[in-house]
Amino acid sequence: MKFLPSLGLATAMLAATCFAQQGAPVTPTAPASPTVLTLPGFADGGMIPSRNTCIAGPAVVSPEIRWSNAPAGTQSFVLIFHDLEPHPAKGVTDNSHWVLWNIPGTSTGVAEGAPAGATLPDGTHQMKRPRTIPGSVYSYYGPCAPKGPSHHYVFELYALDSKLDLPDDATRLDIMNASDGHILAAAGWFGLFHQ
């Protein structure tokens, strides 16, 4: 799935058109290619493989994730993996299964089987799992929707124009608030799962 870069360029092109109509010579620039996110292990909107879910038990691994066409000026990435269905305590927040921030701006993906730990070898920070998900540790937690209709899971990637200065115990809300105003582009990939 693709999402276009931020509206800054579109706004600039609109302004350029207005100036051109007033007689100033302007050469419009073509919009940049959108940032693309892919998970090679399953199709966008397809079933998430068992090895990436709670069915795998202790052998569960995070999926391989790739991206391309990050905009110029990208300093870091944020990756959020969450379940769109459940709302713990009937609040507005759904289940965050995995959140990474300060992924290096030169990165083009995350290898399958990311290790546990607050900070990964490349400096990427990994969010501590919330209390609503068993085992409060810094690691990937695979989908574990119960029997019944499939839950809809989404991987969201954000390209930022800065790195985030946050503590290891930062929450998803902290990460998103710190990202606000720094997002250059975004992309997503959906997956389904039920036991």
N, C-alpha and C. Protein backbone atom coordinates (compact mmCIF):
# COMPACT_ATOMS: atom_id res chain seq x y z
N MET A 1 0.84 -1.17 0.00
CA MET A 1 0.00 0.00 0.00
C MET A 1 0.88 1.23 0.00
N LYS A 2 0.45 2.29 -0.67
CA LYS A 2 1.24 3.50 -0.79
C LYS A 2 0.45 4.69 -0.27
N PHE A 3 1.13 5.61 0.32
CA PHE A 3 0.56 6.90 0.68
C PHE A 3 1.50 7.96 0.14
N LEU A 4 0.94 9.07 -0.28
CA LEU A 4 1.76 10.13 -0.85
C LEU A 4 2.53 10.85 0.24
N PRO A 5 3.65 11.47 -0.12
CA PRO A 5 4.38 12.28 0.84
C PRO A 5 3.50 13.39 1.38
N SER A 6 3.98 14.11 2.37
CA SER A 6 3.20 15.17 3.00
C SER A 6 2.73 16.18 1.96
N LEU A 7 1.73 16.94 2.34
CA LEU A 7 1.11 17.86 1.39
C LEU A 7 1.94 19.11 1.12
N GLY A 8 3.12 19.22 1.70
CA GLY A 8 3.94 20.40 1.50
C GLY A 8 4.23 20.67 0.04
N LEU A 9 4.58 19.65 -0.72
CA LEU A 9 4.90 19.82 -2.14
C LEU A 9 3.65 20.21 -2.91
N ALA A 10 2.51 19.57 -2.60
CA ALA A 10 1.27 19.91 -3.29
C ALA A 10 0.91 21.37 -3.05
N THR A 11 1.09 21.82 -1.82
CA THR A 11 0.80 23.22 -1.49
C THR A 11 1.75 24.15 -2.26
N ALA A 12 3.04 23.77 -2.30
CA ALA A 12 4.02 24.59 -3.03
C ALA A 12 3.67 24.67 -4.51
N MET A 13 3.23 23.55 -5.09
CA MET A 13 2.88 23.55 -6.52
C MET A 13 1.65 24.41 -6.77
N LEU A 14 0.68 24.37 -5.83
CA LEU A 14 -0.51 25.20 -5.97
C LEU A 14 -0.12 26.68 -5.92
N ALA A 15 0.78 27.02 -4.97
CA ALA A 15 1.23 28.41 -4.87
C ALA A 15 1.95 28.82 -6.15
N ALA A 16 2.77 27.93 -6.70
CA ALA A 16 3.50 28.23 -7.94
C ALA A 16 2.52 28.50 -9.08
N THR A 17 1.43 27.74 -9.13
CA THR A 17 0.41 27.94 -10.17
C THR A 17 -0.22 29.31 -10.03
N CYS A 18 -0.51 29.71 -8.77
CA CYS A 18 -1.10 31.03 -8.55
C CYS A 18 -0.17 32.14 -9.01
N PHE A 19 1.14 32.01 -8.68
CA PHE A 19 2.10 33.02 -9.12
C PHE A 19 2.17 33.06 -10.64
N ALA A 20 2.11 31.88 -11.28
CA ALA A 20 2.19 31.81 -12.74
C ALA A 20 1.01 32.54 -13.37
N GLN A 21 -0.17 32.43 -12.73
CA GLN A 21 -1.34 33.09 -13.27
C GLN A 21 -1.22 34.60 -13.15
N GLN A 22 -0.35 35.07 -12.23
CA GLN A 22 -0.16 36.51 -12.07
C GLN A 22 0.97 37.02 -12.97
N GLY A 23 1.53 36.15 -13.82
CA GLY A 23 2.51 36.59 -14.78
C GLY A 23 3.94 36.22 -14.47
N ALA A 24 4.24 35.70 -13.28
CA ALA A 24 5.61 35.30 -12.95
C ALA A 24 5.91 33.96 -13.59
N PRO A 25 7.07 33.81 -14.28
CA PRO A 25 7.40 32.54 -14.93
C PRO A 25 7.72 31.47 -13.87
N VAL A 26 7.07 30.32 -13.99
CA VAL A 26 7.27 29.23 -13.03
C VAL A 26 7.37 27.92 -13.79
N THR A 27 8.32 27.09 -13.40
CA THR A 27 8.44 25.75 -13.96
C THR A 27 8.01 24.76 -12.88
N PRO A 28 6.82 24.15 -13.02
CA PRO A 28 6.37 23.21 -11.98
C PRO A 28 7.26 21.98 -11.93
N THR A 29 7.41 21.45 -10.72
CA THR A 29 8.19 20.23 -10.54
C THR A 29 7.24 19.05 -10.34
N ALA A 30 7.65 17.90 -10.85
CA ALA A 30 6.83 16.70 -10.69
C ALA A 30 6.89 16.24 -9.24
N PRO A 31 5.78 15.72 -8.70
CA PRO A 31 5.80 15.24 -7.33
C PRO A 31 6.74 14.04 -7.19
N ALA A 32 7.33 13.91 -6.01
CA ALA A 32 8.22 12.78 -5.74
C ALA A 32 7.44 11.48 -5.72
N SER A 33 8.13 10.36 -5.98
CA SER A 33 7.48 9.06 -5.90
C SER A 33 7.07 8.80 -4.46
N PRO A 34 5.92 8.17 -4.25
CA PRO A 34 5.49 7.91 -2.88
C PRO A 34 6.37 6.86 -2.20
N THR A 35 6.47 6.96 -0.89
CA THR A 35 7.19 5.96 -0.11
C THR A 35 6.40 4.66 -0.17
N VAL A 36 7.11 3.54 -0.36
CA VAL A 36 6.47 2.24 -0.51
C VAL A 36 6.92 1.32 0.62
N LEU A 37 5.96 0.66 1.27
CA LEU A 37 6.23 -0.30 2.34
C LEU A 37 5.76 -1.67 1.86
N THR A 38 6.59 -2.71 2.04
CA THR A 38 6.19 -4.07 1.69
C THR A 38 6.65 -5.05 2.76
N LEU A 39 5.86 -6.10 2.92
CA LEU A 39 6.23 -7.23 3.77
C LEU A 39 6.23 -8.45 2.87
N PRO A 40 7.40 -8.94 2.46
CA PRO A 40 7.49 -10.02 1.49
C PRO A 40 6.81 -11.31 1.92
N GLY A 41 6.58 -11.50 3.21
CA GLY A 41 6.02 -12.76 3.70
C GLY A 41 4.53 -12.95 3.46
N PHE A 42 3.81 -11.87 3.15
CA PHE A 42 2.38 -12.01 2.88
C PHE A 42 1.89 -10.79 2.10
N ALA A 43 0.80 -11.01 1.35
CA ALA A 43 0.24 -9.95 0.50
C ALA A 43 -0.42 -8.88 1.36
N ASP A 44 -0.46 -7.66 0.85
CA ASP A 44 -1.18 -6.59 1.53
C ASP A 44 -2.66 -7.00 1.63
N GLY A 45 -3.16 -7.09 2.85
CA GLY A 45 -4.53 -7.53 3.08
C GLY A 45 -4.66 -9.03 3.23
N GLY A 46 -3.53 -9.77 3.18
CA GLY A 46 -3.56 -11.23 3.29
C GLY A 46 -3.37 -11.72 4.71
N MET A 47 -3.39 -13.05 4.85
CA MET A 47 -3.21 -13.67 6.17
C MET A 47 -1.74 -13.59 6.60
N ILE A 48 -1.52 -13.24 7.85
CA ILE A 48 -0.16 -13.16 8.39
C ILE A 48 0.32 -14.58 8.66
N PRO A 49 1.52 -14.95 8.23
CA PRO A 49 2.03 -16.31 8.41
C PRO A 49 2.11 -16.71 9.88
N SER A 50 1.87 -17.99 10.15
CA SER A 50 1.87 -18.50 11.52
C SER A 50 3.16 -18.19 12.27
N ARG A 51 4.32 -18.22 11.58
CA ARG A 51 5.60 -17.99 12.26
C ARG A 51 5.69 -16.59 12.83
N ASN A 52 4.83 -15.66 12.35
CA ASN A 52 4.82 -14.29 12.84
C ASN A 52 3.69 -14.03 13.83
N THR A 53 3.03 -15.10 14.30
CA THR A 53 1.88 -14.96 15.20
C THR A 53 2.10 -15.78 16.47
N CYS A 54 1.17 -15.66 17.41
CA CYS A 54 1.28 -16.39 18.68
C CYS A 54 1.15 -17.89 18.49
N ILE A 55 0.68 -18.34 17.34
CA ILE A 55 0.60 -19.78 17.07
C ILE A 55 2.00 -20.41 17.15
N ALA A 56 3.02 -19.64 16.80
CA ALA A 56 4.40 -20.13 16.82
C ALA A 56 4.95 -20.27 18.24
N GLY A 57 4.23 -19.74 19.24
CA GLY A 57 4.69 -19.83 20.62
C GLY A 57 6.01 -19.10 20.81
N PRO A 58 6.92 -19.69 21.60
CA PRO A 58 8.21 -19.03 21.86
C PRO A 58 9.07 -18.85 20.61
N ALA A 59 8.74 -19.57 19.52
CA ALA A 59 9.53 -19.47 18.28
C ALA A 59 9.05 -18.33 17.37
N VAL A 60 8.09 -17.53 17.84
CA VAL A 60 7.56 -16.43 17.02
C VAL A 60 8.68 -15.47 16.62
N VAL A 61 8.63 -15.00 15.40
CA VAL A 61 9.61 -14.02 14.90
C VAL A 61 8.87 -12.86 14.25
N SER A 62 9.49 -11.70 14.31
CA SER A 62 8.94 -10.55 13.60
C SER A 62 9.13 -10.76 12.10
N PRO A 63 8.22 -10.22 11.27
CA PRO A 63 8.34 -10.42 9.82
C PRO A 63 9.42 -9.53 9.20
N GLU A 64 9.85 -9.90 8.00
CA GLU A 64 10.74 -9.04 7.23
C GLU A 64 9.92 -7.87 6.71
N ILE A 65 10.50 -6.68 6.81
CA ILE A 65 9.82 -5.46 6.38
C ILE A 65 10.78 -4.67 5.50
N ARG A 66 10.28 -4.19 4.36
CA ARG A 66 11.12 -3.41 3.45
C ARG A 66 10.39 -2.12 3.07
N TRP A 67 11.19 -1.10 2.77
CA TRP A 67 10.60 0.13 2.24
C TRP A 67 11.56 0.78 1.26
N SER A 68 10.99 1.67 0.45
CA SER A 68 11.79 2.38 -0.56
C SER A 68 11.19 3.76 -0.79
N ASN A 69 11.94 4.58 -1.54
CA ASN A 69 11.51 5.93 -1.91
C ASN A 69 11.27 6.84 -0.71
N ALA A 70 12.11 6.73 0.31
CA ALA A 70 12.01 7.67 1.42
C ALA A 70 12.34 9.07 0.91
N PRO A 71 11.63 10.08 1.38
CA PRO A 71 11.90 11.43 0.88
C PRO A 71 13.25 11.96 1.32
N ALA A 72 13.78 12.90 0.55
CA ALA A 72 15.03 13.57 0.92
C ALA A 72 14.84 14.23 2.27
N GLY A 73 15.87 14.19 3.08
CA GLY A 73 15.79 14.80 4.40
C GLY A 73 15.33 13.86 5.50
N THR A 74 15.05 12.60 5.16
CA THR A 74 14.62 11.64 6.18
C THR A 74 15.78 11.37 7.13
N GLN A 75 15.55 11.61 8.43
CA GLN A 75 16.55 11.39 9.46
C GLN A 75 16.30 10.12 10.25
N SER A 76 15.04 9.70 10.32
CA SER A 76 14.70 8.48 11.05
C SER A 76 13.32 8.00 10.61
N PHE A 77 13.00 6.77 11.02
CA PHE A 77 11.69 6.18 10.74
C PHE A 77 11.06 5.72 12.05
N VAL A 78 9.73 5.72 12.06
CA VAL A 78 8.94 5.10 13.13
C VAL A 78 8.12 4.01 12.47
N LEU A 79 8.08 2.84 13.09
CA LEU A 79 7.27 1.72 12.60
C LEU A 79 6.32 1.30 13.72
N ILE A 80 5.03 1.27 13.42
CA ILE A 80 4.02 0.89 14.40
C ILE A 80 3.21 -0.28 13.85
N PHE A 81 3.10 -1.34 14.63
CA PHE A 81 2.31 -2.52 14.26
C PHE A 81 1.22 -2.67 15.31
N HIS A 82 -0.03 -2.57 14.88
CA HIS A 82 -1.12 -2.65 15.86
C HIS A 82 -2.36 -3.34 15.30
N ASP A 83 -3.20 -3.78 16.23
CA ASP A 83 -4.45 -4.48 15.94
C ASP A 83 -5.57 -3.45 15.97
N LEU A 84 -6.26 -3.28 14.87
CA LEU A 84 -7.29 -2.25 14.79
C LEU A 84 -8.56 -2.57 15.55
N GLU A 85 -8.78 -3.86 15.89
CA GLU A 85 -10.06 -4.23 16.51
C GLU A 85 -10.19 -3.94 18.01
N PRO A 86 -9.33 -4.50 18.87
CA PRO A 86 -9.61 -4.38 20.30
C PRO A 86 -9.34 -2.98 20.84
N HIS A 87 -10.11 -2.61 21.84
CA HIS A 87 -9.93 -1.33 22.53
C HIS A 87 -9.91 -1.61 24.02
N PRO A 88 -8.73 -1.86 24.60
CA PRO A 88 -8.63 -2.18 26.02
C PRO A 88 -9.32 -1.14 26.90
N ALA A 89 -10.07 -1.64 27.86
CA ALA A 89 -10.81 -0.77 28.79
C ALA A 89 -11.76 0.18 28.05
N LYS A 90 -12.13 -0.19 26.83
CA LYS A 90 -13.06 0.58 26.02
C LYS A 90 -12.59 2.01 25.79
N GLY A 91 -11.28 2.17 25.65
CA GLY A 91 -10.71 3.48 25.37
C GLY A 91 -10.49 3.66 23.88
N VAL A 92 -9.79 4.72 23.52
CA VAL A 92 -9.57 5.00 22.10
C VAL A 92 -8.31 4.31 21.57
N THR A 93 -7.49 3.74 22.48
CA THR A 93 -6.24 3.12 22.06
C THR A 93 -6.43 1.64 21.77
N ASP A 94 -5.91 1.18 20.63
CA ASP A 94 -5.97 -0.25 20.33
C ASP A 94 -4.66 -0.90 20.77
N ASN A 95 -4.50 -2.19 20.50
CA ASN A 95 -3.31 -2.92 20.96
C ASN A 95 -2.10 -2.64 20.08
N SER A 96 -1.04 -2.15 20.69
CA SER A 96 0.23 -1.96 20.00
C SER A 96 1.03 -3.24 20.15
N HIS A 97 1.29 -3.93 19.05
CA HIS A 97 2.04 -5.18 19.10
C HIS A 97 3.55 -4.96 18.94
N TRP A 98 3.94 -3.87 18.30
CA TRP A 98 5.37 -3.62 18.10
C TRP A 98 5.53 -2.18 17.65
N VAL A 99 6.40 -1.44 18.31
CA VAL A 99 6.67 -0.07 17.92
C VAL A 99 8.18 0.16 17.95
N LEU A 100 8.71 0.61 16.82
CA LEU A 100 10.13 0.94 16.70
C LEU A 100 10.26 2.42 16.38
N TRP A 101 11.26 3.09 16.97
CA TRP A 101 11.51 4.47 16.61
C TRP A 101 13.01 4.72 16.55
N ASN A 102 13.36 5.82 15.90
CA ASN A 102 14.76 6.15 15.62
C ASN A 102 15.44 5.08 14.78
N ILE A 103 14.66 4.44 13.90
CA ILE A 103 15.27 3.58 12.89
C ILE A 103 16.10 4.52 12.01
N PRO A 104 17.36 4.20 11.75
CA PRO A 104 18.22 5.12 10.98
C PRO A 104 17.59 5.55 9.65
N GLY A 105 17.75 6.81 9.31
CA GLY A 105 17.18 7.36 8.09
C GLY A 105 17.72 6.74 6.82
N THR A 106 18.86 6.06 6.91
CA THR A 106 19.43 5.39 5.74
C THR A 106 18.92 3.97 5.58
N SER A 107 18.14 3.50 6.52
CA SER A 107 17.66 2.12 6.50
C SER A 107 16.62 1.91 5.41
N THR A 108 16.57 0.69 4.88
CA THR A 108 15.55 0.33 3.89
C THR A 108 14.73 -0.86 4.36
N GLY A 109 14.78 -1.17 5.66
CA GLY A 109 13.96 -2.25 6.16
C GLY A 109 14.43 -2.80 7.49
N VAL A 110 13.68 -3.78 7.96
CA VAL A 110 13.99 -4.48 9.20
C VAL A 110 14.00 -5.97 8.87
N ALA A 111 15.09 -6.66 9.20
CA ALA A 111 15.20 -8.08 8.90
C ALA A 111 14.23 -8.90 9.75
N GLU A 112 13.85 -10.06 9.24
CA GLU A 112 12.99 -10.96 10.01
C GLU A 112 13.70 -11.37 11.30
N GLY A 113 12.93 -11.52 12.37
CA GLY A 113 13.49 -11.99 13.63
C GLY A 113 14.28 -10.94 14.38
N ALA A 114 13.74 -9.73 14.51
CA ALA A 114 14.43 -8.69 15.27
C ALA A 114 14.63 -9.16 16.71
N PRO A 115 15.82 -8.95 17.28
CA PRO A 115 16.08 -9.41 18.65
C PRO A 115 15.34 -8.57 19.68
N ALA A 116 15.17 -9.12 20.88
CA ALA A 116 14.58 -8.38 21.98
C ALA A 116 15.60 -7.37 22.50
N GLY A 117 15.11 -6.35 23.17
CA GLY A 117 15.99 -5.35 23.76
C GLY A 117 15.46 -3.96 23.52
N ALA A 118 15.71 -3.06 24.47
CA ALA A 118 15.24 -1.68 24.34
C ALA A 118 15.87 -0.97 23.16
N THR A 119 17.14 -1.33 22.85
CA THR A 119 17.83 -0.73 21.72
C THR A 119 18.43 -1.84 20.86
N LEU A 120 18.17 -1.81 19.57
CA LEU A 120 18.70 -2.80 18.65
C LEU A 120 20.12 -2.41 18.22
N PRO A 121 20.86 -3.32 17.62
CA PRO A 121 22.27 -3.04 17.27
C PRO A 121 22.48 -1.78 16.42
N ASP A 122 21.52 -1.42 15.57
CA ASP A 122 21.69 -0.24 14.71
C ASP A 122 21.25 1.06 15.38
N GLY A 123 20.87 0.98 16.67
CA GLY A 123 20.43 2.17 17.39
C GLY A 123 18.93 2.36 17.42
N THR A 124 18.18 1.50 16.71
CA THR A 124 16.72 1.57 16.72
C THR A 124 16.21 1.28 18.14
N HIS A 125 15.23 2.06 18.56
CA HIS A 125 14.61 1.83 19.87
C HIS A 125 13.34 0.99 19.70
N GLN A 126 13.12 0.12 20.65
CA GLN A 126 11.98 -0.79 20.62
C GLN A 126 11.10 -0.51 21.84
N MET A 127 9.81 -0.26 21.61
CA MET A 127 8.92 0.09 22.71
C MET A 127 8.64 -1.11 23.61
N LYS A 128 8.53 -0.84 24.89
CA LYS A 128 8.13 -1.87 25.85
C LYS A 128 6.67 -2.20 25.59
N ARG A 129 6.34 -3.49 25.57
CA ARG A 129 4.95 -3.87 25.30
C ARG A 129 4.05 -3.35 26.41
N PRO A 130 2.86 -2.87 26.05
CA PRO A 130 1.94 -2.36 27.06
C PRO A 130 1.39 -3.47 27.95
N ARG A 131 0.84 -3.07 29.07
CA ARG A 131 0.32 -4.05 30.04
C ARG A 131 -0.82 -4.89 29.47
N THR A 132 -1.49 -4.39 28.44
CA THR A 132 -2.60 -5.15 27.86
C THR A 132 -2.14 -6.36 27.07
N ILE A 133 -0.82 -6.43 26.80
CA ILE A 133 -0.25 -7.57 26.08
C ILE A 133 0.68 -8.31 27.03
N PRO A 134 0.54 -9.64 27.17
CA PRO A 134 1.34 -10.39 28.15
C PRO A 134 2.84 -10.21 27.99
N GLY A 135 3.53 -10.20 29.12
CA GLY A 135 4.99 -10.15 29.11
C GLY A 135 5.54 -8.78 28.77
N SER A 136 5.67 -7.92 29.74
CA SER A 136 6.13 -6.55 29.49
C SER A 136 7.63 -6.54 29.20
N VAL A 137 7.99 -6.82 27.94
CA VAL A 137 9.38 -6.83 27.53
C VAL A 137 9.52 -6.03 26.24
N TYR A 138 10.75 -5.67 25.92
CA TYR A 138 11.03 -4.93 24.70
C TYR A 138 11.21 -5.92 23.55
N SER A 139 10.12 -6.26 22.88
CA SER A 139 10.20 -7.21 21.77
C SER A 139 8.93 -7.19 20.94
N TYR A 140 9.01 -7.86 19.81
CA TYR A 140 7.86 -8.06 18.93
C TYR A 140 6.88 -9.01 19.60
N TYR A 141 5.58 -8.71 19.48
CA TYR A 141 4.55 -9.63 19.97
C TYR A 141 3.60 -9.90 18.80
N GLY A 142 3.56 -11.14 18.34
CA GLY A 142 2.76 -11.49 17.17
C GLY A 142 1.27 -11.41 17.41
N PRO A 143 0.50 -11.28 16.33
CA PRO A 143 -0.95 -11.27 16.43
C PRO A 143 -1.46 -12.49 17.18
N CYS A 144 -2.51 -12.31 17.97
CA CYS A 144 -3.03 -13.42 18.77
C CYS A 144 -4.55 -13.31 18.91
N ALA A 145 -5.21 -12.85 17.85
CA ALA A 145 -6.67 -12.70 17.90
C ALA A 145 -7.32 -14.06 18.17
N PRO A 146 -8.40 -14.08 18.95
CA PRO A 146 -9.06 -15.36 19.27
C PRO A 146 -9.78 -15.95 18.06
N LYS A 147 -10.39 -17.12 18.28
CA LYS A 147 -11.19 -17.73 17.22
C LYS A 147 -12.34 -16.80 16.88
N GLY A 148 -12.76 -16.87 15.63
CA GLY A 148 -13.83 -16.00 15.17
C GLY A 148 -13.35 -15.20 13.97
N PRO A 149 -13.98 -14.07 13.71
CA PRO A 149 -13.58 -13.26 12.55
C PRO A 149 -12.13 -12.79 12.68
N SER A 150 -11.47 -12.65 11.57
CA SER A 150 -10.09 -12.16 11.57
C SER A 150 -10.02 -10.74 12.09
N HIS A 151 -8.96 -10.47 12.83
CA HIS A 151 -8.66 -9.10 13.21
C HIS A 151 -7.82 -8.47 12.10
N HIS A 152 -7.92 -7.17 11.99
CA HIS A 152 -7.18 -6.41 10.99
C HIS A 152 -5.97 -5.76 11.66
N TYR A 153 -4.79 -6.11 11.18
CA TYR A 153 -3.54 -5.59 11.72
C TYR A 153 -2.92 -4.69 10.68
N VAL A 154 -2.25 -3.65 11.14
CA VAL A 154 -1.61 -2.72 10.20
C VAL A 154 -0.19 -2.40 10.66
N PHE A 155 0.72 -2.38 9.68
CA PHE A 155 2.08 -1.89 9.87
C PHE A 155 2.09 -0.49 9.29
N GLU A 156 2.47 0.50 10.08
CA GLU A 156 2.52 1.88 9.62
C GLU A 156 3.97 2.36 9.70
N LEU A 157 4.45 2.94 8.63
CA LEU A 157 5.80 3.48 8.57
C LEU A 157 5.73 4.98 8.39
N TYR A 158 6.50 5.71 9.19
CA TYR A 158 6.57 7.16 9.10
C TYR A 158 8.02 7.58 8.88
N ALA A 159 8.28 8.37 7.86
CA ALA A 159 9.60 8.96 7.62
C ALA A 159 9.61 10.33 8.29
N LEU A 160 10.60 10.56 9.16
CA LEU A 160 10.66 11.81 9.92
C LEU A 160 11.87 12.65 9.51
N ASP A 161 11.74 13.95 9.70
CA ASP A 161 12.85 14.86 9.39
C ASP A 161 13.77 15.06 10.59
N SER A 162 13.62 14.24 11.63
CA SER A 162 14.44 14.35 12.83
C SER A 162 14.49 13.00 13.53
N LYS A 163 15.35 12.90 14.54
CA LYS A 163 15.35 11.75 15.45
C LYS A 163 14.54 12.16 16.67
N LEU A 164 14.00 11.18 17.39
CA LEU A 164 13.18 11.47 18.56
C LEU A 164 13.99 11.33 19.84
N ASP A 165 13.91 12.34 20.68
CA ASP A 165 14.61 12.32 21.96
C ASP A 165 13.61 11.86 23.02
N LEU A 166 13.55 10.54 23.23
CA LEU A 166 12.57 9.94 24.13
C LEU A 166 13.25 8.91 25.03
N PRO A 167 12.71 8.68 26.22
CA PRO A 167 13.26 7.66 27.11
C PRO A 167 12.86 6.26 26.66
N ASP A 168 13.55 5.24 27.17
CA ASP A 168 13.25 3.86 26.79
C ASP A 168 11.82 3.44 27.13
N ASP A 169 11.21 4.08 28.13
CA ASP A 169 9.85 3.69 28.52
C ASP A 169 8.77 4.52 27.81
N ALA A 170 9.15 5.17 26.69
CA ALA A 170 8.17 5.97 25.93
C ALA A 170 7.03 5.08 25.45
N THR A 171 5.82 5.62 25.46
CA THR A 171 4.64 4.91 24.98
C THR A 171 4.40 5.25 23.51
N ARG A 172 3.48 4.53 22.91
CA ARG A 172 3.12 4.83 21.51
C ARG A 172 2.62 6.26 21.40
N LEU A 173 1.83 6.71 22.36
CA LEU A 173 1.32 8.08 22.32
C LEU A 173 2.47 9.08 22.42
N ASP A 174 3.45 8.80 23.28
CA ASP A 174 4.63 9.67 23.39
C ASP A 174 5.35 9.76 22.04
N ILE A 175 5.50 8.61 21.40
CA ILE A 175 6.22 8.54 20.12
C ILE A 175 5.47 9.31 19.04
N MET A 176 4.17 9.14 18.98
CA MET A 176 3.38 9.84 17.97
C MET A 176 3.34 11.34 18.24
N ASN A 177 3.24 11.73 19.51
CA ASN A 177 3.25 13.16 19.83
C ASN A 177 4.58 13.80 19.44
N ALA A 178 5.69 13.08 19.71
CA ALA A 178 7.01 13.61 19.36
C ALA A 178 7.20 13.66 17.84
N SER A 179 6.52 12.78 17.10
CA SER A 179 6.62 12.74 15.63
C SER A 179 5.80 13.83 14.97
N ASP A 180 4.78 14.33 15.66
CA ASP A 180 3.88 15.32 15.10
C ASP A 180 4.66 16.54 14.63
N GLY A 181 4.44 16.93 13.39
CA GLY A 181 5.14 18.07 12.82
C GLY A 181 6.46 17.70 12.15
N HIS A 182 6.83 16.42 12.20
CA HIS A 182 8.10 15.98 11.61
C HIS A 182 7.92 14.90 10.54
N ILE A 183 6.69 14.54 10.22
CA ILE A 183 6.41 13.44 9.29
C ILE A 183 6.51 13.93 7.84
N LEU A 184 7.46 13.33 7.11
CA LEU A 184 7.66 13.67 5.70
C LEU A 184 6.82 12.79 4.78
N ALA A 185 6.60 11.55 5.18
CA ALA A 185 5.85 10.60 4.36
C ALA A 185 5.39 9.46 5.25
N ALA A 186 4.40 8.72 4.77
CA ALA A 186 3.88 7.57 5.52
C ALA A 186 3.43 6.50 4.54
N ALA A 187 3.46 5.25 5.01
CA ALA A 187 3.00 4.13 4.18
C ALA A 187 2.47 3.05 5.11
N GLY A 188 1.65 2.15 4.60
CA GLY A 188 1.07 1.10 5.43
C GLY A 188 0.93 -0.22 4.70
N TRP A 189 0.77 -1.30 5.49
CA TRP A 189 0.60 -2.67 4.96
C TRP A 189 -0.33 -3.40 5.93
N PHE A 190 -1.39 -3.99 5.41
CA PHE A 190 -2.39 -4.64 6.25
C PHE A 190 -2.25 -6.17 6.24
N GLY A 191 -2.62 -6.79 7.36
CA GLY A 191 -2.63 -8.24 7.45
C GLY A 191 -3.81 -8.71 8.29
N LEU A 192 -4.22 -9.94 8.10
CA LEU A 192 -5.34 -10.54 8.83
C LEU A 192 -4.86 -11.72 9.66
N PHE A 193 -5.54 -11.95 10.79
CA PHE A 193 -5.21 -13.13 11.59
C PHE A 193 -6.34 -13.45 12.56
N HIS A 194 -6.60 -14.75 12.74
CA HIS A 194 -7.43 -15.26 13.83
C HIS A 194 -6.97 -16.67 14.09
N GLN A 195 -7.19 -17.15 15.31
CA GLN A 195 -6.79 -18.50 15.67
C GLN A 195 -7.82 -19.52 15.19
